[in-house]
C-alpha atoms as a PDB file:
ATOM      1  CA  PHE A   1      15.067 112.678  11.266  1.00  0.00           C
ATOM      2  CA  ARG A   2      11.791 112.052   9.419  1.00  0.00           C
ATOM      3  CA  ILE A   3      10.840 112.794   5.807  1.00  0.00           C
ATOM      4  CA  ALA A   4       7.498 113.189   4.037  1.00  0.00           C
ATOM      5  CA  MET A   5       7.082 113.658   0.281  1.00  0.00           C
ATOM      6  CA  ILE A   6       3.781 114.901  -1.123  1.00  0.00           C
ATOM      7  CA  LYS A   7       3.183 115.159  -4.869  1.00  0.00           C
ATOM      8  CA  ALA A   8       0.193 116.717  -6.620  1.00  0.00           C
ATOM      9  CA  ASN A   9       0.661 119.536  -9.118  1.00  0.00           C
ATOM     10  CA  LYS A  10       4.104 120.018  -7.546  1.00  0.00           C
ATOM     11  CA  THR A  11       6.367 118.281  -5.052  1.00  0.00           C
ATOM     12  CA  ILE A  12       6.579 119.219  -1.391  1.00  0.00           C
ATOM     13  CA  LEU A  13       9.366 117.622   0.630  1.00  0.00           C
ATOM     14  CA  ILE A  14       9.293 118.021   4.425  1.00  0.00           C
ATOM     15  CA  ILE A  15      12.441 117.125   6.385  1.00  0.00           C
ATOM     16  CA  GLN A  16      12.226 117.184  10.186  1.00  0.00           C
ATOM     17  CA  LEU A  17      15.354 116.897  12.325  1.00  0.00           C
ATOM     18  CA  ASP A  18      15.543 116.475  16.098  1.00  0.00           C
ATOM     19  CA  ILE A  19      18.374 118.946  16.592  1.00  0.00           C
ATOM     20  CA  CYS A  20      18.679 122.415  18.099  1.00  0.00           C
ATOM     21  CA  LYS A  21      19.296 124.399  14.911  1.00  0.00           C
ATOM     22  CA  ALA A  22      21.517 124.799  11.847  1.00  0.00           C
ATOM     23  CA  ASP A  23      23.072 127.624   9.886  1.00  0.00           C
ATOM     24  CA  ARG A  24      22.285 128.632   6.301  1.00  0.00           C
ATOM     25  CA  SER A  25      25.289 126.659   5.076  1.00  0.00           C
ATOM     26  CA  PHE A  26      23.653 123.443   6.309  1.00  0.00           C
ATOM     27  CA  THR A  27      20.203 124.078   4.827  1.00  0.00           C
ATOM     28  CA  ASP A  28      21.625 125.319   1.513  1.00  0.00           C
ATOM     29  CA  GLY A  29      23.909 122.296   1.325  1.00  0.00           C
ATOM     30  CA  ILE A  30      21.039 119.857   1.883  1.00  0.00           C
ATOM     31  CA  LYS A  31      18.753 121.631  -0.593  1.00  0.00           C
ATOM     32  CA  ASN A  32      21.491 121.857  -3.249  1.00  0.00           C
ATOM     33  CA  ALA A  33      22.217 118.119  -2.922  1.00  0.00           C
ATOM     34  CA  ILE A  34      18.500 117.257  -3.281  1.00  0.00           C
ATOM     35  CA  LYS A  35      18.121 119.615  -6.262  1.00  0.00           C
ATOM     36  CA  GLU A  36      21.135 118.055  -7.990  1.00  0.00           C
ATOM     37  CA  LYS A  37      20.024 114.461  -7.376  1.00  0.00           C
ATOM     38  CA  PHE A  38      16.233 114.682  -7.750  1.00  0.00           C
ATOM     39  CA  ASN A  39      15.565 118.045  -9.437  1.00  0.00           C
ATOM     40  CA  ILE A  40      13.334 119.170  -6.571  1.00  0.00           C
ATOM     41  CA  GLU A  41      13.378 122.948  -6.339  1.00  0.00           C
ATOM     42  CA  LYS A  42      14.649 124.627  -3.185  1.00  0.00           C
ATOM     43  CA  ASP A  43      11.310 126.351  -2.516  1.00  0.00           C
ATOM     44  CA  GLU A  44       9.645 122.917  -2.516  1.00  0.00           C
ATOM     45  CA  ILE A  45      11.810 121.720   0.405  1.00  0.00           C
ATOM     46  CA  ILE A  46      10.889 122.500   4.009  1.00  0.00           C
ATOM     47  CA  ILE A  47      13.587 121.768   6.605  1.00  0.00           C
ATOM     48  CA  ASN A  48      12.240 121.876  10.147  1.00  0.00           C
ATOM     49  CA  PHE A  49      14.185 121.656  13.400  1.00  0.00           C
ATOM     50  CA  SER A  50      12.443 120.578  16.602  1.00  0.00           C
ATOM     51  CA  HIS A  51      14.856 122.938  18.401  1.00  0.00           C
ATOM     52  CA  THR A  52      15.506 120.525  21.234  1.00  0.00           C
ATOM     53  CA  HIS A  53      18.085 122.143  23.489  1.00  0.00           C
ATOM     54  CA  SER A  54      19.416 118.695  24.377  1.00  0.00           C
ATOM     55  CA  SER A  55      21.162 118.368  21.031  1.00  0.00           C
ATOM     56  CA  VAL A  56      23.701 120.055  18.770  1.00  0.00           C
ATOM     57  CA  ALA A  57      23.663 122.708  16.054  1.00  0.00           C
ATOM     58  CA  LEU A  58      24.741 121.742  12.553  1.00  0.00           C
ATOM     59  CA  THR A  59      26.697 123.485   9.810  1.00  0.00           C
ATOM     60  CA  GLY A  60      27.513 122.745   6.186  1.00  0.00           C
ATOM     61  CA  GLU A  61      30.629 123.157   4.080  1.00  0.00           C
ATOM     62  CA  ASN A  62      30.764 126.954   4.560  1.00  0.00           C
ATOM     63  CA  PRO A  63      30.296 127.594   8.300  1.00  0.00           C
ATOM     64  CA  GLU A  64      28.847 130.945   9.308  1.00  0.00           C
ATOM     65  CA  ARG A  65      30.386 133.025  12.092  1.00  0.00           C
ATOM     66  CA  ASP A  66      27.195 133.057  14.134  1.00  0.00           C
ATOM     67  CA  GLU A  67      27.819 133.074  17.879  1.00  0.00           C
ATOM     68  CA  SER A  68      24.336 131.754  18.674  1.00  0.00           C
ATOM     69  CA  TYR A  69      25.027 128.753  16.454  1.00  0.00           C
ATOM     70  CA  TRP A  70      28.539 127.958  17.654  1.00  0.00           C
ATOM     71  CA  ALA A  71      27.496 127.706  21.297  1.00  0.00           C
ATOM     72  CA  TYR A  72      25.790 124.415  20.353  1.00  0.00           C
ATOM     73  CA  SER A  73      28.192 123.119  17.708  1.00  0.00           C
ATOM     74  CA  ILE A  74      29.870 119.726  17.950  1.00  0.00           C
ATOM     75  CA  SER A  75      33.253 121.456  18.144  1.00  0.00           C
ATOM     76  CA  ALA A  76      32.332 123.497  21.240  1.00  0.00           C
ATOM     77  CA  ASP A  77      34.233 122.697  24.422  1.00  0.00           C
ATOM     78  CA  SER A  78      32.358 125.522  26.123  1.00  0.00           C
ATOM     79  CA  MET A  79      29.590 128.006  25.365  1.00  0.00           C
ATOM     80  CA  SER A  80      32.127 130.831  25.050  1.00  0.00           C
ATOM     81  CA  MET A  81      34.566 129.296  22.535  1.00  0.00           C
ATOM     82  CA  ASP A  82      35.265 131.690  19.660  1.00  0.00           C
ATOM     83  CA  PHE A  83      35.033 130.696  16.015  1.00  0.00           C
ATOM     84  CA  GLU A  84      38.755 130.886  15.276  1.00  0.00           C
ATOM     85  CA  SER A  85      39.685 128.257  17.885  1.00  0.00           C
ATOM     86  CA  ARG A  86      37.323 125.594  16.522  1.00  0.00           C
ATOM     87  CA  ASP A  87      38.348 122.309  14.939  1.00  0.00           C
ATOM     88  CA  LEU A  88      35.454 121.706  12.513  1.00  0.00           C
ATOM     89  CA  THR A  89      36.431 118.151  11.510  1.00  0.00           C
ATOM     90  CA  GLU A  90      33.601 116.480  13.434  1.00  0.00           C
ATOM     91  CA  ASP A  91      31.077 119.121  12.311  1.00  0.00           C
ATOM     92  CA  MET A  92      31.937 118.449   8.653  1.00  0.00           C
ATOM     93  CA  THR A  93      31.882 114.675   9.131  1.00  0.00           C
ATOM     94  CA  TYR A  94      28.453 114.785  10.754  1.00  0.00           C
ATOM     95  CA  TYR A  95      27.063 117.134   8.084  1.00  0.00           C
ATOM     96  CA  ARG A  96      28.141 114.752   5.307  1.00  0.00           C
ATOM     97  CA  LEU A  97      26.667 111.786   7.192  1.00  0.00           C
ATOM     98  CA  ILE A  98      23.296 113.527   7.629  1.00  0.00           C
ATOM     99  CA  ARG A  99      23.309 114.739   4.002  1.00  0.00           C
ATOM    100  CA  GLY A 100      23.931 111.195   2.747  1.00  0.00           C
ATOM    101  CA  LYS A 101      21.170 109.695   4.886  1.00  0.00           C
ATOM    102  CA  ILE A 102      18.696 112.380   3.775  1.00  0.00           C
ATOM    103  CA  ILE A 103      19.520 111.673   0.109  1.00  0.00           C
ATOM    104  CA  GLU A 104      18.945 107.939   0.715  1.00  0.00           C
ATOM    105  CA  SER A 105      15.592 108.688   2.362  1.00  0.00           C
ATOM    106  CA  VAL A 106      14.432 111.011  -0.432  1.00  0.00           C
ATOM    107  CA  ASP A 107      15.301 108.278  -2.942  1.00  0.00           C
ATOM    108  CA  LYS A 108      13.242 105.809  -0.894  1.00  0.00           C
ATOM    109  CA  CYS A 109      10.316 108.274  -0.881  1.00  0.00           C
ATOM    110  CA  ASN A 110      10.520 108.566  -4.679  1.00  0.00           C
ATOM    111  CA  ARG A 111      10.474 104.794  -5.097  1.00  0.00           C
ATOM    112  CA  ASN A 112       7.557 104.242  -2.706  1.00  0.00           C
ATOM    113  CA  LEU A 113       5.052 106.931  -3.662  1.00  0.00           C
ATOM    114  CA  SER A 114       1.420 105.813  -3.567  1.00  0.00           C
ATOM    115  CA  GLU A 115      -1.933 107.452  -4.105  1.00  0.00           C
ATOM    116  CA  GLY A 116      -3.759 108.658  -1.048  1.00  0.00           C
ATOM    117  CA  ASN A 117      -5.442 111.519   0.757  1.00  0.00           C
ATOM    118  CA  LEU A 118      -4.281 114.501   2.776  1.00  0.00           C
ATOM    119  CA  TYR A 119      -6.322 115.859   5.698  1.00  0.00           C
ATOM    120  CA  ILE A 120      -5.657 118.969   7.767  1.00  0.00           C
ATOM    121  CA  SER A 121      -7.129 119.907  11.117  1.00  0.00           C
ATOM    122  CA  ARG A 122      -6.643 122.678  13.635  1.00  0.00           C
ATOM    123  CA  SER A 123      -7.076 122.208  17.351  1.00  0.00           C
ATOM    124  CA  THR A 124      -5.525 123.554  20.544  1.00  0.00           C
ATOM    125  CA  SER A 125      -3.115 122.247  23.174  1.00  0.00           C
ATOM    126  CA  ASP A 126      -2.520 123.430  26.734  1.00  0.00           C
ATOM    127  CA  PHE A 127       0.885 121.727  26.883  1.00  0.00           C
ATOM    128  CA  GLY A 128       2.935 124.911  26.625  1.00  0.00           C
ATOM    129  CA  ILE A 129       3.529 127.659  29.152  1.00  0.00           C
ATOM    130  CA  SER A 130       5.235 131.052  28.931  1.00  0.00           C
ATOM    131  CA  ARG A 131       8.712 131.216  30.491  1.00  0.00           C
ATOM    132  CA  ARG A 132       8.567 134.991  31.037  1.00  0.00           C
ATOM    133  CA  LEU A 133       6.969 136.000  34.339  1.00  0.00           C
ATOM    134  CA  ILE A 134       6.109 139.690  34.643  1.00  0.00           C
ATOM    135  CA  THR A 135       6.613 140.963  38.201  1.00  0.00           C
ATOM    136  CA  SER A 136       6.855 144.351  39.923  1.00  0.00           C
ATOM    137  CA  GLU A 137      10.640 143.895  39.746  1.00  0.00           C
ATOM    138  CA  GLY A 138      10.617 143.294  35.998  1.00  0.00           C
ATOM    139  CA  VAL A 139      10.473 140.209  33.774  1.00  0.00           C
ATOM    140  CA  LYS A 140      11.804 137.012  35.330  1.00  0.00           C
ATOM    141  CA  PHE A 141      12.765 133.748  33.656  1.00  0.00           C
ATOM    142  CA  ALA A 142      10.051 131.643  35.332  1.00  0.00           C
ATOM    143  CA  PRO A 143       6.749 129.889  34.519  1.00  0.00           C
ATOM    144  CA  SER A 144       3.897 132.305  33.802  1.00  0.00           C
ATOM    145  CA  PRO A 145       0.651 130.300  33.520  1.00  0.00           C
ATOM    146  CA  ASP A 146      -1.543 133.378  33.013  1.00  0.00           C
ATOM    147  CA  THR A 147       0.419 134.785  30.046  1.00  0.00           C
ATOM    148  CA  GLU A 148      -1.303 134.366  26.688  1.00  0.00           C
ATOM    149  CA  ILE A 149       0.564 132.054  24.304  1.00  0.00           C
ATOM    150  CA  ASP A 150      -0.035 130.397  20.932  1.00  0.00           C
ATOM    151  CA  ASN A 151      -1.987 127.203  21.685  1.00  0.00           C
ATOM    152  CA  ASP A 152      -2.746 126.293  18.055  1.00  0.00           C
ATOM    153  CA  LEU A 153      -2.121 122.654  17.187  1.00  0.00           C
ATOM    154  CA  PHE A 154      -2.116 121.830  13.472  1.00  0.00           C
ATOM    155  CA  VAL A 155      -2.206 118.237  12.239  1.00  0.00           C
ATOM    156  CA  LEU A 156      -1.698 116.869   8.716  1.00  0.00           C
ATOM    157  CA  LYS A 157      -2.819 113.270   8.217  1.00  0.00           C
ATOM    158  CA  LEU A 158      -1.600 111.303   5.198  1.00  0.00           C
ATOM    159  CA  THR A 159      -3.518 108.153   4.304  1.00  0.00           C
ATOM    160  CA  ASP A 160      -3.498 105.586   1.522  1.00  0.00           C
ATOM    161  CA  LYS A 161      -6.496 104.947  -0.767  1.00  0.00           C
ATOM    162  CA  GLU A 162      -8.016 102.673   1.893  1.00  0.00           C
ATOM    163  CA  ASP A 163      -7.705 105.542   4.394  1.00  0.00           C
ATOM    164  CA  LYS A 164      -5.039 103.776   6.441  1.00  0.00           C
ATOM    165  CA  ILE A 165      -2.766 106.291   8.150  1.00  0.00           C
ATOM    166  CA  LYS A 166       0.670 106.438   6.517  1.00  0.00           C
ATOM    167  CA  GLY A 167       1.965 109.538   8.243  1.00  0.00           C
ATOM    168  CA  ILE A 168       1.065 112.299  10.699  1.00  0.00           C
ATOM    169  CA  ILE A 169       2.688 115.724  10.800  1.00  0.00           C
ATOM    170  CA  TYR A 170       1.933 118.012  13.720  1.00  0.00           C
ATOM    171  CA  SER A 171       2.953 121.568  14.517  1.00  0.00           C
ATOM    172  CA  LEU A 172       2.888 123.147  17.968  1.00  0.00           C
ATOM    173  CA  ALA A 173       4.706 126.322  19.004  1.00  0.00           C
ATOM    174  CA  CYS A 174       6.439 125.176  22.172  1.00  0.00           C
ATOM    175  CA  HIS A 175      10.095 125.352  23.210  1.00  0.00           C
ATOM    176  CA  ALA A 176      11.661 121.874  23.502  1.00  0.00           C
ATOM    177  CA  THR A 177      13.282 122.445  26.909  1.00  0.00           C
ATOM    178  CA  CYS A 178      11.494 119.925  29.159  1.00  0.00           C
ATOM    179  CA  TYR A 179      14.609 117.832  29.694  1.00  0.00           C
ATOM    180  CA  SER A 180      17.557 119.232  31.595  1.00  0.00           C
ATOM    181  CA  GLY A 181      21.022 117.751  31.749  1.00  0.00           C
ATOM    182  CA  TYR A 182      23.890 116.929  29.405  1.00  0.00           C
ATOM    183  CA  LEU A 183      22.521 113.838  27.669  1.00  0.00           C
ATOM    184  CA  LEU A 184      21.269 113.988  24.079  1.00  0.00           C
ATOM    185  CA  SER A 185      17.480 113.973  23.812  1.00  0.00           C
ATOM    186  CA  ALA A 186      14.779 114.720  21.237  1.00  0.00           C
ATOM    187  CA  ASP A 187      12.796 116.138  24.186  1.00  0.00           C
ATOM    188  CA  PHE A 188       8.979 116.170  24.037  1.00  0.00           C
ATOM    189  CA  PRO A 189       8.736 116.288  20.194  1.00  0.00           C
ATOM    190  CA  GLY A 190      10.613 112.990  20.023  1.00  0.00           C
ATOM    191  CA  ALA A 191       8.459 111.427  22.732  1.00  0.00           C
ATOM    192  CA  ALA A 192       5.288 112.616  20.985  1.00  0.00           C
ATOM    193  CA  CYS A 193       6.428 111.173  17.642  1.00  0.00           C
ATOM    194  CA  LYS A 194       7.331 107.859  19.282  1.00  0.00           C
ATOM    195  CA  TYR A 195       3.857 107.700  20.879  1.00  0.00           C
ATOM    196  CA  ILE A 196       2.051 108.505  17.607  1.00  0.00           C
ATOM    197  CA  GLU A 197       4.095 105.973  15.619  1.00  0.00           C
ATOM    198  CA  ALA A 198       3.374 103.245  18.200  1.00  0.00           C
ATOM    199  CA  LYS A 199      -0.350 104.012  18.158  1.00  0.00           C
ATOM    200  CA  HIS A 200      -0.566 103.984  14.353  1.00  0.00           C
ATOM    201  CA  GLU A 201       1.504 100.985  13.295  1.00  0.00           C
ATOM    202  CA  GLY A 202       3.139 101.432   9.902  1.00  0.00           C
ATOM    203  CA  SER A 203       2.934 105.204   9.986  1.00  0.00           C
END
């Protein structure tokens, strides 16, 4: 995961995780822990999931009975396992591990705040493609290069007072399903972040 803290007239905390998704129990648990430790309000915390399908779904201390979530949970032996047959031990252990590491990172952000500048830009990207192909036989699950999609690419650039890049946040509406298989992967968002971090050393 990656964290950015921005402070001006109020605090904005952005937490990005390379996982598929999480239920409300997870996000509430993380936000409650941050509120208790650092007094950052819940509406000042943005938790973003890259939605890579080559990862798991997370829950907190009060798991929700959401079938779409449980298909990707750590406790799933198969996509069709029902809620009642789950052993949630590993789910709870992983939640507490992630929560602890996020708290450590927020504390590090607090201790290392520095003055700087924030820039925002809007561009476009042709990386994405619709996965719904309209045919005479109906809609098929296939590439559809002529279908209109959201190509907006937003970039936030955080710099220090000398204008050295300290962080880059980008947003692109594109499903993270490039990789196929049963290995864990951050998919293209992870590869993009790795490329940006290598190009801008120290960011």
